[in-house]
Amino acid sequence: MKVAMYYSNKDVRIEEMQVPKISDDELLVKVMASGICGTDVMEWYRIKKAPLVLGHEISGVIAEAGKNIKNFKAGDRVFVSHHVPCMKCHYCLNNHHTACETLHKTNFDPGGFSEYLRVPKINTEIGTFKLPDNVSFEEGTFIEPIGTVIRAQRLVNLKQDQTLLVIGSGISGLMHVKLARSKNIKKIIAVDINEFRLNTAKRFGADFAFNAREDIVEKIKKINDGRLADLVIVCSGALNAANSALQCVDKGGIILFFAVPRPDEKLVIPINDFWRNEVKVMTSYGAAPSDLKESIDILKNKKIKVADMISHRLKFDEIQKGFQLVAEAKDSIKVIVEPNK
């Protein structure tokens, strides 16, 4: 079978690999669509593990089911989660599933940028879901990323009467805007340095879209009765974005880091000011099985539309172009490759 082997953001090669063999408790999935995530192009993180097959936003068809599998059969349309928690440890039992050690060790084989992948037993049992008939394979690639957005907004207890500021209007920021708009949040502000993405944010539901190079603090105050944002969600890994969040949160507000700066970059938090004003700083990582189930329900019931977020559909041998589009972060939103087309 063909796989896309990652060596660097500028060196993604189509190579041959044996189709994985499955055990009696595993699945073999034919990958029909696979999204390129912003984390796939975090070169500082990925390159130290290269070469490897990336890709985790996938949907496909079961090509083969082990003889012990009862809930799935060949031909079923499915979404498969790459990381799954054990559901038994201290962290899982206290709703911190994405801190579970098992979650950080699990994956499918070899990765979503391949024609076929093997789904290990634990992923089959905890992380495999049938795709509703009215959800396309392309839409299925949004299940995992929307699940992460659902989790983040749940953790911060997003409320309708709040002013939400989303810093970074790439695909994750735009999904936050769309989901927040579906909840009728009072005021949604999007920030980015790219005019294409700012215009897209307004099209997807942001009430205001500001260029990060402007005086964001004053602009927020001007349209928010002199106050800053009740909730700031950071969807950019740029250190400038993180620092901007610290300046844009209102008293009693919350900053949630959905994306974080590089580990060699230091973010100085004004803890004395935050202490006095009861500002919370939080993080959110990944999605738990319950978040993924809610994501599937949202797509099934068309609570938000995602097809209009797909900017590029590429053949498998065009995946290098896809990595370039996502890494450049200019005029692309969601880039999807189709390994079996």
C-alpha atoms as a PDB file:
ATOM      1  CA  MET A   1       0.000   0.000   0.000  1.00  0.00           C
ATOM      2  CA  LYS A   2       0.989   3.647  -0.344  1.00  0.00           C
ATOM      3  CA  VAL A   3       1.808   5.809   2.658  1.00  0.00           C
ATOM      4  CA  ALA A   4       2.946   9.418   3.015  1.00  0.00           C
ATOM      5  CA  MET A   5       6.230   9.305   4.946  1.00  0.00           C
ATOM      6  CA  TYR A   6       7.041  12.503   6.815  1.00  0.00           C
ATOM      7  CA  TYR A   7      10.682  13.602   6.923  1.00  0.00           C
ATOM      8  CA  SER A   8      10.011  17.336   7.327  1.00  0.00           C
ATOM      9  CA  ASN A   9       7.347  19.845   6.329  1.00  0.00           C
ATOM     10  CA  LYS A  10       9.060  20.211   2.963  1.00  0.00           C
ATOM     11  CA  ASP A  11       9.816  16.518   2.510  1.00  0.00           C
ATOM     12  CA  VAL A  12       6.746  14.269   2.568  1.00  0.00           C
ATOM     13  CA  ARG A  13       7.231  11.262   0.294  1.00  0.00           C
ATOM     14  CA  ILE A  14       4.824   8.687  -1.094  1.00  0.00           C
ATOM     15  CA  GLU A  15       6.356   5.325  -0.222  1.00  0.00           C
ATOM     16  CA  GLU A  16       5.340   1.672  -0.262  1.00  0.00           C
ATOM     17  CA  MET A  17       4.612  -0.334   2.892  1.00  0.00           C
ATOM     18  CA  GLN A  18       3.018  -3.696   3.589  1.00  0.00           C
ATOM     19  CA  VAL A  19      -0.675  -3.640   4.428  1.00  0.00           C
ATOM     20  CA  PRO A  20      -0.807  -4.254   8.207  1.00  0.00           C
ATOM     21  CA  LYS A  21      -1.883  -7.679   9.438  1.00  0.00           C
ATOM     22  CA  ILE A  22      -4.634  -7.665  12.037  1.00  0.00           C
ATOM     23  CA  SER A  23      -5.297  -9.945  15.004  1.00  0.00           C
ATOM     24  CA  ASP A  24      -8.655 -11.453  15.941  1.00  0.00           C
ATOM     25  CA  ASP A  25      -9.440  -8.377  18.060  1.00  0.00           C
ATOM     26  CA  GLU A  26      -8.485  -5.714  15.541  1.00  0.00           C
ATOM     27  CA  LEU A  27      -9.794  -3.915  12.465  1.00  0.00           C
ATOM     28  CA  LEU A  28      -8.274  -3.065   9.113  1.00  0.00           C
ATOM     29  CA  VAL A  29      -9.656   0.233   7.800  1.00  0.00           C
ATOM     30  CA  LYS A  30      -9.450   1.548   4.261  1.00  0.00           C
ATOM     31  CA  VAL A  31      -8.827   5.286   4.659  1.00  0.00           C
ATOM     32  CA  MET A  32     -11.161   7.336   2.477  1.00  0.00           C
ATOM     33  CA  ALA A  33     -10.386  10.829   3.764  1.00  0.00           C
ATOM     34  CA  SER A  34      -7.702  12.259   6.015  1.00  0.00           C
ATOM     35  CA  GLY A  35      -7.358  15.844   7.206  1.00  0.00           C
ATOM     36  CA  ILE A  36      -4.028  17.611   7.628  1.00  0.00           C
ATOM     37  CA  CYS A  37      -4.019  19.077  11.128  1.00  0.00           C
ATOM     38  CA  GLY A  38      -2.053  22.111  12.242  1.00  0.00           C
ATOM     39  CA  THR A  39      -0.212  19.835  14.666  1.00  0.00           C
ATOM     40  CA  ASP A  40       0.976  17.735  11.711  1.00  0.00           C
ATOM     41  CA  VAL A  41       3.081  20.688  10.558  1.00  0.00           C
ATOM     42  CA  MET A  42       4.527  21.563  13.991  1.00  0.00           C
ATOM     43  CA  GLU A  43       7.972  20.751  12.649  1.00  0.00           C
ATOM     44  CA  TRP A  44       9.852  21.388  15.917  1.00  0.00           C
ATOM     45  CA  TYR A  45       7.786  18.578  17.450  1.00  0.00           C
ATOM     46  CA  ARG A  46       7.445  16.205  14.504  1.00  0.00           C
ATOM     47  CA  ILE A  47      10.909  16.217  12.996  1.00  0.00           C
ATOM     48  CA  LYS A  48      12.584  14.624  16.018  1.00  0.00           C
ATOM     49  CA  LYS A  49      10.398  11.540  15.464  1.00  0.00           C
ATOM     50  CA  ALA A  50      10.822  11.420  11.681  1.00  0.00           C
ATOM     51  CA  PRO A  51      10.552   9.504   9.479  1.00  0.00           C
ATOM     52  CA  LEU A  52       6.999   8.488  10.328  1.00  0.00           C
ATOM     53  CA  VAL A  53       3.488   8.334   8.907  1.00  0.00           C
ATOM     54  CA  LEU A  54       1.340  11.089  10.381  1.00  0.00           C
ATOM     55  CA  GLY A  55      -2.395  11.723  10.099  1.00  0.00           C
ATOM     56  CA  HIS A  56      -5.099  11.307  12.731  1.00  0.00           C
ATOM     57  CA  GLU A  57      -8.241  12.995  11.371  1.00  0.00           C
ATOM     58  CA  ILE A  58      -9.573  10.069   9.385  1.00  0.00           C
ATOM     59  CA  SER A  59     -12.697   8.340   8.162  1.00  0.00           C
ATOM     60  CA  GLY A  60     -12.974   5.186   6.141  1.00  0.00           C
ATOM     61  CA  VAL A  61     -14.468   1.774   5.527  1.00  0.00           C
ATOM     62  CA  ILE A  62     -13.720  -1.413   7.428  1.00  0.00           C
ATOM     63  CA  ALA A  63     -11.880  -3.685   5.010  1.00  0.00           C
ATOM     64  CA  GLU A  64     -11.477  -6.563   7.450  1.00  0.00           C
ATOM     65  CA  ALA A  65     -12.683  -7.336  10.972  1.00  0.00           C
ATOM     66  CA  GLY A  66     -11.041  -9.833  13.325  1.00  0.00           C
ATOM     67  CA  LYS A  67     -13.141 -12.882  14.199  1.00  0.00           C
ATOM     68  CA  ASN A  68     -13.675 -11.687  17.783  1.00  0.00           C
ATOM     69  CA  ILE A  69     -15.168  -8.363  16.685  1.00  0.00           C
ATOM     70  CA  LYS A  70     -18.900  -8.206  17.372  1.00  0.00           C
ATOM     71  CA  ASN A  71     -19.864  -4.566  16.873  1.00  0.00           C
ATOM     72  CA  PHE A  72     -18.330  -3.959  13.450  1.00  0.00           C
ATOM     73  CA  LYS A  73     -18.134  -5.746  10.136  1.00  0.00           C
ATOM     74  CA  ALA A  74     -16.464  -5.317   6.771  1.00  0.00           C
ATOM     75  CA  GLY A  75     -18.133  -2.531   4.831  1.00  0.00           C
ATOM     76  CA  ASP A  76     -19.045  -0.382   7.839  1.00  0.00           C
ATOM     77  CA  ARG A  77     -18.260   3.313   7.434  1.00  0.00           C
ATOM     78  CA  VAL A  78     -16.297   4.461  10.481  1.00  0.00           C
ATOM     79  CA  PHE A  79     -14.375   7.177  12.239  1.00  0.00           C
ATOM     80  CA  VAL A  80     -11.395   5.978  14.291  1.00  0.00           C
ATOM     81  CA  SER A  81      -9.701   7.916  17.083  1.00  0.00           C
ATOM     82  CA  HIS A  82      -5.912   7.606  17.162  1.00  0.00           C
ATOM     83  CA  HIS A  83      -5.444   8.297  20.900  1.00  0.00           C
ATOM     84  CA  VAL A  84      -7.744   6.615  23.421  1.00  0.00           C
ATOM     85  CA  PRO A  85      -7.786   6.683  27.237  1.00  0.00           C
ATOM     86  CA  CYS A  86      -7.967   3.594  29.431  1.00  0.00           C
ATOM     87  CA  MET A  87     -11.207   4.794  31.122  1.00  0.00           C
ATOM     88  CA  LYS A  88     -10.036   3.219  34.397  1.00  0.00           C
ATOM     89  CA  CYS A  89      -7.187   5.285  35.864  1.00  0.00           C
ATOM     90  CA  HIS A  90      -7.356   8.138  38.362  1.00  0.00           C
ATOM     91  CA  TYR A  91      -7.320  10.750  35.593  1.00  0.00           C
ATOM     92  CA  CYS A  92     -10.046   9.117  33.514  1.00  0.00           C
ATOM     93  CA  LEU A  93     -12.267   8.659  36.567  1.00  0.00           C
ATOM     94  CA  ASN A  94     -11.852  12.367  37.347  1.00  0.00           C
ATOM     95  CA  ASN A  95     -12.698  13.527  33.809  1.00  0.00           C
ATOM     96  CA  HIS A  96      -9.108  14.283  32.803  1.00  0.00           C
ATOM     97  CA  HIS A  97      -9.096  11.652  30.069  1.00  0.00           C
ATOM     98  CA  THR A  98      -6.543  13.460  27.947  1.00  0.00           C
ATOM     99  CA  ALA A  99      -4.040  13.309  30.817  1.00  0.00           C
ATOM    100  CA  CYS A 100      -4.300   9.497  30.830  1.00  0.00           C
ATOM    101  CA  GLU A 101      -0.967   7.776  30.188  1.00  0.00           C
ATOM    102  CA  THR A 102      -2.664   5.236  27.923  1.00  0.00           C
ATOM    103  CA  LEU A 103      -4.029   8.007  25.704  1.00  0.00           C
ATOM    104  CA  HIS A 104      -0.520   9.295  25.085  1.00  0.00           C
ATOM    105  CA  LYS A 105       0.769   5.829  24.168  1.00  0.00           C
ATOM    106  CA  THR A 106      -2.007   4.600  21.871  1.00  0.00           C
ATOM    107  CA  ASN A 107      -2.218   5.105  18.113  1.00  0.00           C
ATOM    108  CA  PHE A 108      -3.270   3.317  14.987  1.00  0.00           C
ATOM    109  CA  ASP A 109      -0.797   1.708  12.599  1.00  0.00           C
ATOM    110  CA  PRO A 110       0.866   3.236  10.657  1.00  0.00           C
ATOM    111  CA  GLY A 111      -1.015   6.581  10.541  1.00  0.00           C
ATOM    112  CA  GLY A 112      -3.870   8.307   8.794  1.00  0.00           C
ATOM    113  CA  PHE A 113      -1.842   9.257   5.723  1.00  0.00           C
ATOM    114  CA  SER A 114      -1.964   5.731   4.358  1.00  0.00           C
ATOM    115  CA  GLU A 115      -4.266   3.647   2.195  1.00  0.00           C
ATOM    116  CA  TYR A 116      -4.981   1.229   5.043  1.00  0.00           C
ATOM    117  CA  LEU A 117      -4.453   1.249   8.786  1.00  0.00           C
ATOM    118  CA  ARG A 118      -4.624  -1.303  11.572  1.00  0.00           C
ATOM    119  CA  VAL A 119      -6.834  -0.413  14.521  1.00  0.00           C
ATOM    120  CA  PRO A 120      -5.478  -1.980  17.745  1.00  0.00           C
ATOM    121  CA  LYS A 121      -7.865  -3.690  20.167  1.00  0.00           C
ATOM    122  CA  ILE A 122      -8.159  -0.777  22.602  1.00  0.00           C
ATOM    123  CA  ASN A 123      -8.795   1.706  19.771  1.00  0.00           C
ATOM    124  CA  THR A 124     -11.394  -0.673  18.351  1.00  0.00           C
ATOM    125  CA  GLU A 125     -13.179  -0.929  21.689  1.00  0.00           C
ATOM    126  CA  ILE A 126     -12.994   2.705  22.822  1.00  0.00           C
ATOM    127  CA  GLY A 127     -12.196   4.842  19.794  1.00  0.00           C
ATOM    128  CA  THR A 128     -14.087   3.432  16.803  1.00  0.00           C
ATOM    129  CA  PHE A 129     -17.514   4.816  15.870  1.00  0.00           C
ATOM    130  CA  LYS A 130     -19.855   4.162  12.998  1.00  0.00           C
ATOM    131  CA  LEU A 131     -20.268   7.098  10.672  1.00  0.00           C
ATOM    132  CA  PRO A 132     -23.921   8.202  10.339  1.00  0.00           C
ATOM    133  CA  ASP A 133     -25.336   7.716   6.859  1.00  0.00           C
ATOM    134  CA  ASN A 134     -25.786  11.458   6.363  1.00  0.00           C
ATOM    135  CA  VAL A 135     -22.176  12.282   7.320  1.00  0.00           C
ATOM    136  CA  SER A 136     -19.741  12.102   4.407  1.00  0.00           C
ATOM    137  CA  PHE A 137     -16.199  10.807   4.665  1.00  0.00           C
ATOM    138  CA  GLU A 138     -14.964  14.390   4.282  1.00  0.00           C
ATOM    139  CA  GLU A 139     -17.197  15.560   7.124  1.00  0.00           C
ATOM    140  CA  GLY A 140     -15.994  12.598   9.169  1.00  0.00           C
ATOM    141  CA  THR A 141     -12.488  14.058   9.235  1.00  0.00           C
ATOM    142  CA  PHE A 142     -13.886  16.857  11.411  1.00  0.00           C
ATOM    143  CA  ILE A 143     -15.049  14.536  14.204  1.00  0.00           C
ATOM    144  CA  GLU A 144     -11.765  14.573  16.105  1.00  0.00           C
ATOM    145  CA  PRO A 145     -10.995  18.305  15.760  1.00  0.00           C
ATOM    146  CA  ILE A 146     -14.556  19.317  16.638  1.00  0.00           C
ATOM    147  CA  GLY A 147     -14.339  16.984  19.634  1.00  0.00           C
ATOM    148  CA  THR A 148     -11.328  18.926  20.895  1.00  0.00           C
ATOM    149  CA  VAL A 149     -13.251  22.196  20.510  1.00  0.00           C
ATOM    150  CA  ILE A 150     -16.257  20.752  22.343  1.00  0.00           C
ATOM    151  CA  ARG A 151     -14.000  19.724  25.206  1.00  0.00           C
ATOM    152  CA  ALA A 152     -12.363  23.136  25.446  1.00  0.00           C
ATOM    153  CA  GLN A 153     -15.630  25.062  25.491  1.00  0.00           C
ATOM    154  CA  ARG A 154     -17.064  22.682  28.071  1.00  0.00           C
ATOM    155  CA  LEU A 155     -14.053  23.064  30.360  1.00  0.00           C
ATOM    156  CA  VAL A 156     -14.420  26.860  30.398  1.00  0.00           C
ATOM    157  CA  ASN A 157     -18.211  26.639  30.764  1.00  0.00           C
ATOM    158  CA  LEU A 158     -18.877  29.006  27.876  1.00  0.00           C
ATOM    159  CA  LYS A 159     -22.105  30.956  28.487  1.00  0.00           C
ATOM    160  CA  GLN A 160     -24.448  32.862  26.186  1.00  0.00           C
ATOM    161  CA  ASP A 161     -23.997  36.222  27.911  1.00  0.00           C
ATOM    162  CA  GLN A 162     -20.202  36.211  27.533  1.00  0.00           C
ATOM    163  CA  THR A 163     -17.900  38.053  25.180  1.00  0.00           C
ATOM    164  CA  LEU A 164     -15.611  35.495  23.546  1.00  0.00           C
ATOM    165  CA  LEU A 165     -12.281  36.416  22.005  1.00  0.00           C
ATOM    166  CA  VAL A 166     -10.658  33.824  19.723  1.00  0.00           C
ATOM    167  CA  ILE A 167      -7.012  34.592  18.975  1.00  0.00           C
ATOM    168  CA  GLY A 168      -5.917  32.802  15.807  1.00  0.00           C
ATOM    169  CA  SER A 169      -8.394  32.228  12.973  1.00  0.00           C
ATOM    170  CA  GLY A 170      -6.946  29.097  11.461  1.00  0.00           C
ATOM    171  CA  ILE A 171      -9.067  25.951  11.338  1.00  0.00           C
ATOM    172  CA  SER A 172      -9.198  25.490  15.145  1.00  0.00           C
ATOM    173  CA  GLY A 173     -10.100  29.113  15.772  1.00  0.00           C
ATOM    174  CA  LEU A 174     -12.770  28.984  13.071  1.00  0.00           C
ATOM    175  CA  MET A 175     -14.270  25.845  14.599  1.00  0.00           C
ATOM    176  CA  HIS A 176     -14.430  27.648  17.953  1.00  0.00           C
ATOM    177  CA  VAL A 177     -16.232  30.519  16.235  1.00  0.00           C
ATOM    178  CA  LYS A 178     -18.712  28.172  14.529  1.00  0.00           C
ATOM    179  CA  LEU A 179     -19.462  26.172  17.660  1.00  0.00           C
ATOM    180  CA  ALA A 180     -19.827  29.307  19.795  1.00  0.00           C
ATOM    181  CA  ARG A 181     -22.182  30.835  17.216  1.00  0.00           C
ATOM    182  CA  SER A 182     -24.324  27.691  17.307  1.00  0.00           C
ATOM    183  CA  LYS A 183     -24.685  28.303  21.057  1.00  0.00           C
ATOM    184  CA  ASN A 184     -25.849  31.895  20.471  1.00  0.00           C
ATOM    185  CA  ILE A 185     -22.940  33.438  22.360  1.00  0.00           C
ATOM    186  CA  LYS A 186     -23.565  37.179  22.812  1.00  0.00           C
ATOM    187  CA  LYS A 187     -20.413  38.547  21.212  1.00  0.00           C
ATOM    188  CA  ILE A 188     -17.672  36.713  19.301  1.00  0.00           C
ATOM    189  CA  ILE A 189     -14.443  38.456  18.339  1.00  0.00           C
ATOM    190  CA  ALA A 190     -11.838  36.835  16.078  1.00  0.00           C
ATOM    191  CA  VAL A 191      -8.214  37.961  15.763  1.00  0.00           C
ATOM    192  CA  ASP A 192      -5.541  37.015  13.232  1.00  0.00           C
ATOM    193  CA  ILE A 193      -2.853  38.609  11.063  1.00  0.00           C
ATOM    194  CA  ASN A 194      -4.270  37.136   7.838  1.00  0.00           C
ATOM    195  CA  GLU A 195      -7.079  39.067   6.128  1.00  0.00           C
ATOM    196  CA  PHE A 196      -8.383  35.971   4.331  1.00  0.00           C
ATOM    197  CA  ARG A 197      -8.875  34.231   7.660  1.00  0.00           C
ATOM    198  CA  LEU A 198     -10.395  37.293   9.289  1.00  0.00           C
ATOM    199  CA  ASN A 199     -12.951  37.536   6.479  1.00  0.00           C
ATOM    200  CA  THR A 200     -13.632  33.828   6.841  1.00  0.00           C
ATOM    201  CA  ALA A 201     -14.146  34.216  10.600  1.00  0.00           C
ATOM    202  CA  LYS A 202     -16.835  36.846   9.960  1.00  0.00           C
ATOM    203  CA  ARG A 203     -18.465  34.589   7.381  1.00  0.00           C
ATOM    204  CA  PHE A 204     -18.521  31.743   9.914  1.00  0.00           C
ATOM    205  CA  GLY A 205     -20.116  33.747  12.693  1.00  0.00           C
ATOM    206  CA  ALA A 206     -17.709  36.201  14.312  1.00  0.00           C
ATOM    207  CA  ASP A 207     -19.342  39.537  15.107  1.00  0.00           C
ATOM    208  CA  PHE A 208     -16.002  41.325  14.824  1.00  0.00           C
ATOM    209  CA  ALA A 209     -12.672  40.397  13.233  1.00  0.00           C
ATOM    210  CA  PHE A 210      -9.563  42.402  14.105  1.00  0.00           C
ATOM    211  CA  ASN A 211      -6.060  42.327  12.713  1.00  0.00           C
ATOM    212  CA  ALA A 212      -3.627  41.381  15.494  1.00  0.00           C
ATOM    213  CA  ARG A 213      -1.293  44.172  14.409  1.00  0.00           C
ATOM    214  CA  GLU A 214      -3.854  46.734  15.567  1.00  0.00           C
ATOM    215  CA  ASP A 215      -4.527  47.878  19.154  1.00  0.00           C
ATOM    216  CA  ILE A 216      -6.707  44.940  20.068  1.00  0.00           C
ATOM    217  CA  VAL A 217      -7.217  46.001  23.683  1.00  0.00           C
ATOM    218  CA  GLU A 218      -8.750  49.331  22.704  1.00  0.00           C
ATOM    219  CA  LYS A 219     -10.817  47.786  19.913  1.00  0.00           C
ATOM    220  CA  ILE A 220     -12.340  45.256  22.316  1.00  0.00           C
ATOM    221  CA  LYS A 221     -13.148  47.940  24.867  1.00  0.00           C
ATOM    222  CA  LYS A 222     -14.766  50.081  22.201  1.00  0.00           C
ATOM    223  CA  ILE A 223     -17.263  47.416  21.166  1.00  0.00           C
ATOM    224  CA  ASN A 224     -17.707  45.838  24.624  1.00  0.00           C
ATOM    225  CA  ASP A 225     -18.865  48.702  26.862  1.00  0.00           C
ATOM    226  CA  GLY A 226     -15.347  49.498  28.023  1.00  0.00           C
ATOM    227  CA  ARG A 227     -14.623  45.946  29.157  1.00  0.00           C
ATOM    228  CA  LEU A 228     -12.233  43.301  27.879  1.00  0.00           C
ATOM    229  CA  ALA A 229     -13.189  39.733  26.945  1.00  0.00           C
ATOM    230  CA  ASP A 230     -14.821  37.398  29.465  1.00  0.00           C
ATOM    231  CA  LEU A 231     -13.200  34.439  27.789  1.00  0.00           C
ATOM    232  CA  VAL A 232     -10.082  34.314  25.601  1.00  0.00           C
ATOM    233  CA  ILE A 233      -9.316  31.132  23.663  1.00  0.00           C
ATOM    234  CA  VAL A 234      -5.815  31.034  22.193  1.00  0.00           C
ATOM    235  CA  CYS A 235      -5.701  29.079  18.924  1.00  0.00           C
ATOM    236  CA  SER A 236      -2.272  30.169  17.742  1.00  0.00           C
ATOM    237  CA  GLY A 237       1.088  28.855  18.868  1.00  0.00           C
ATOM    238  CA  ALA A 238       2.748  32.226  18.313  1.00  0.00           C
ATOM    239  CA  LEU A 239       4.217  33.745  21.464  1.00  0.00           C
ATOM    240  CA  ASN A 240       2.761  37.126  20.452  1.00  0.00           C
ATOM    241  CA  ALA A 241      -0.699  35.560  20.475  1.00  0.00           C
ATOM    242  CA  ALA A 242      -0.178  34.202  23.983  1.00  0.00           C
ATOM    243  CA  ASN A 243       1.032  37.569  25.243  1.00  0.00           C
ATOM    244  CA  SER A 244      -1.915  39.296  23.607  1.00  0.00           C
ATOM    245  CA  ALA A 245      -4.296  36.989  25.460  1.00  0.00           C
ATOM    246  CA  LEU A 246      -2.832  38.105  28.788  1.00  0.00           C
ATOM    247  CA  GLN A 247      -3.689  41.702  27.923  1.00  0.00           C
ATOM    248  CA  CYS A 248      -7.186  41.086  26.536  1.00  0.00           C
ATOM    249  CA  VAL A 249      -8.891  39.195  29.373  1.00  0.00           C
ATOM    250  CA  ASP A 250     -11.328  41.016  31.639  1.00  0.00           C
ATOM    251  CA  LYS A 251     -11.394  40.932  35.427  1.00  0.00           C
ATOM    252  CA  GLY A 252     -12.847  37.630  36.561  1.00  0.00           C
ATOM    253  CA  GLY A 253     -12.247  36.240  33.074  1.00  0.00           C
ATOM    254  CA  ILE A 254     -10.659  33.073  31.729  1.00  0.00           C
ATOM    255  CA  ILE A 255      -7.818  32.472  29.291  1.00  0.00           C
ATOM    256  CA  LEU A 256      -7.793  29.026  27.737  1.00  0.00           C
ATOM    257  CA  PHE A 257      -4.718  27.899  25.844  1.00  0.00           C
ATOM    258  CA  PHE A 258      -5.988  25.640  23.082  1.00  0.00           C
ATOM    259  CA  ALA A 259      -2.596  26.113  21.412  1.00  0.00           C
ATOM    260  CA  VAL A 260       0.663  26.921  23.163  1.00  0.00           C
ATOM    261  CA  PRO A 261       4.026  28.477  22.238  1.00  0.00           C
ATOM    262  CA  ARG A 262       7.119  26.387  21.569  1.00  0.00           C
ATOM    263  CA  PRO A 263       8.671  24.804  24.677  1.00  0.00           C
ATOM    264  CA  ASP A 264      11.813  26.933  24.318  1.00  0.00           C
ATOM    265  CA  GLU A 265       9.715  30.119  24.447  1.00  0.00           C
ATOM    266  CA  LYS A 266       8.803  31.546  27.842  1.00  0.00           C
ATOM    267  CA  LEU A 267       5.461  33.126  28.615  1.00  0.00           C
ATOM    268  CA  VAL A 268       5.513  35.496  31.600  1.00  0.00           C
ATOM    269  CA  ILE A 269       2.138  35.576  33.338  1.00  0.00           C
ATOM    270  CA  PRO A 270       1.310  38.716  35.376  1.00  0.00           C
ATOM    271  CA  ILE A 271       0.299  36.603  38.324  1.00  0.00           C
ATOM    272  CA  ASN A 272      -0.075  39.524  40.738  1.00  0.00           C
ATOM    273  CA  ASP A 273      -2.590  41.253  38.478  1.00  0.00           C
ATOM    274  CA  PHE A 274      -4.392  37.996  37.806  1.00  0.00           C
ATOM    275  CA  TRP A 275      -4.456  37.200  41.529  1.00  0.00           C
ATOM    276  CA  ARG A 276      -6.017  40.559  42.344  1.00  0.00           C
ATOM    277  CA  ASN A 277      -8.592  40.285  39.562  1.00  0.00           C
ATOM    278  CA  GLU A 278      -9.345  36.553  39.859  1.00  0.00           C
ATOM    279  CA  VAL A 279      -8.316  35.723  36.314  1.00  0.00           C
ATOM    280  CA  LYS A 280      -8.068  32.026  35.483  1.00  0.00           C
ATOM    281  CA  VAL A 281      -5.523  30.512  33.107  1.00  0.00           C
ATOM    282  CA  MET A 282      -6.490  27.083  31.742  1.00  0.00           C
ATOM    283  CA  THR A 283      -5.451  24.593  29.092  1.00  0.00           C
ATOM    284  CA  SER A 284      -7.267  22.036  26.985  1.00  0.00           C
ATOM    285  CA  TYR A 285      -5.798  19.120  25.077  1.00  0.00           C
ATOM    286  CA  GLY A 286      -7.387  16.568  22.796  1.00  0.00           C
ATOM    287  CA  ALA A 287     -10.789  14.913  23.092  1.00  0.00           C
ATOM    288  CA  ALA A 288     -12.283  12.140  25.208  1.00  0.00           C
ATOM    289  CA  PRO A 289     -14.672   9.484  23.822  1.00  0.00           C
ATOM    290  CA  SER A 290     -17.681  11.435  25.159  1.00  0.00           C
ATOM    291  CA  ASP A 291     -16.501  14.533  23.267  1.00  0.00           C
ATOM    292  CA  LEU A 292     -16.204  12.510  20.072  1.00  0.00           C
ATOM    293  CA  LYS A 293     -19.724  11.117  20.514  1.00  0.00           C
ATOM    294  CA  GLU A 294     -21.042  14.658  20.938  1.00  0.00           C
ATOM    295  CA  SER A 295     -19.100  15.722  17.837  1.00  0.00           C
ATOM    296  CA  ILE A 296     -20.713  12.944  15.799  1.00  0.00           C
ATOM    297  CA  ASP A 297     -24.133  14.009  17.090  1.00  0.00           C
ATOM    298  CA  ILE A 298     -23.469  17.626  16.069  1.00  0.00           C
ATOM    299  CA  LEU A 299     -22.518  16.557  12.548  1.00  0.00           C
ATOM    300  CA  LYS A 300     -25.386  14.076  12.257  1.00  0.00           C
ATOM    301  CA  ASN A 301     -27.957  16.677  13.294  1.00  0.00           C
ATOM    302  CA  LYS A 302     -26.317  19.449  11.237  1.00  0.00           C
ATOM    303  CA  LYS A 303     -25.945  21.714  14.265  1.00  0.00           C
ATOM    304  CA  ILE A 304     -22.930  23.196  12.529  1.00  0.00           C
ATOM    305  CA  LYS A 305     -21.865  22.889   8.904  1.00  0.00           C
ATOM    306  CA  VAL A 306     -18.308  21.861   8.109  1.00  0.00           C
ATOM    307  CA  ALA A 307     -18.290  21.226   4.352  1.00  0.00           C
ATOM    308  CA  ASP A 308     -17.793  24.947   3.756  1.00  0.00           C
ATOM    309  CA  MET A 309     -14.593  24.796   5.805  1.00  0.00           C
ATOM    310  CA  ILE A 310     -12.884  22.508   3.287  1.00  0.00           C
ATOM    311  CA  SER A 311     -10.704  24.710   1.108  1.00  0.00           C
ATOM    312  CA  HIS A 312      -8.622  22.007  -0.598  1.00  0.00           C
ATOM    313  CA  ARG A 313      -9.311  18.421  -1.622  1.00  0.00           C
ATOM    314  CA  LEU A 314      -6.125  16.735  -2.790  1.00  0.00           C
ATOM    315  CA  LYS A 315      -5.144  13.433  -4.325  1.00  0.00           C
ATOM    316  CA  PHE A 316      -2.800  11.369  -2.203  1.00  0.00           C
ATOM    317  CA  ASP A 317       0.233  12.102  -4.348  1.00  0.00           C
ATOM    318  CA  GLU A 318      -0.410  15.827  -3.802  1.00  0.00           C
ATOM    319  CA  ILE A 319       0.051  15.586  -0.038  1.00  0.00           C
ATOM    320  CA  GLN A 320       3.305  17.570  -0.103  1.00  0.00           C
ATOM    321  CA  LYS A 321       1.266  20.489  -1.459  1.00  0.00           C
ATOM    322  CA  GLY A 322      -1.165  19.972   1.401  1.00  0.00           C
ATOM    323  CA  PHE A 323       1.571  20.204   4.015  1.00  0.00           C
ATOM    324  CA  GLN A 324       2.846  23.361   2.341  1.00  0.00           C
ATOM    325  CA  LEU A 325      -0.628  24.935   2.389  1.00  0.00           C
ATOM    326  CA  VAL A 326      -1.169  24.177   6.075  1.00  0.00           C
ATOM    327  CA  ALA A 327       2.339  25.230   7.109  1.00  0.00           C
ATOM    328  CA  GLU A 328       2.117  28.536   5.233  1.00  0.00           C
ATOM    329  CA  ALA A 329      -1.269  29.294   6.853  1.00  0.00           C
ATOM    330  CA  LYS A 330      -2.341  31.751   4.165  1.00  0.00           C
ATOM    331  CA  ASP A 331      -5.394  31.030   2.019  1.00  0.00           C
ATOM    332  CA  SER A 332      -6.254  27.535   3.209  1.00  0.00           C
ATOM    333  CA  ILE A 333      -8.735  26.451   5.845  1.00  0.00           C
ATOM    334  CA  LYS A 334      -9.197  22.676   5.917  1.00  0.00           C
ATOM    335  CA  VAL A 335      -6.993  20.567   3.658  1.00  0.00           C
ATOM    336  CA  ILE A 336      -8.085  16.981   3.041  1.00  0.00           C
ATOM    337  CA  VAL A 337      -6.322  14.184   1.178  1.00  0.00           C
ATOM    338  CA  GLU A 338      -8.020  11.089  -0.193  1.00  0.00           C
ATOM    339  CA  PRO A 339      -5.637   8.116  -0.044  1.00  0.00           C
ATOM    340  CA  ASN A 340      -7.870   5.751  -1.994  1.00  0.00           C
ATOM    341  CA  LYS A 341      -9.014   7.983  -4.838  1.00  0.00           C
END
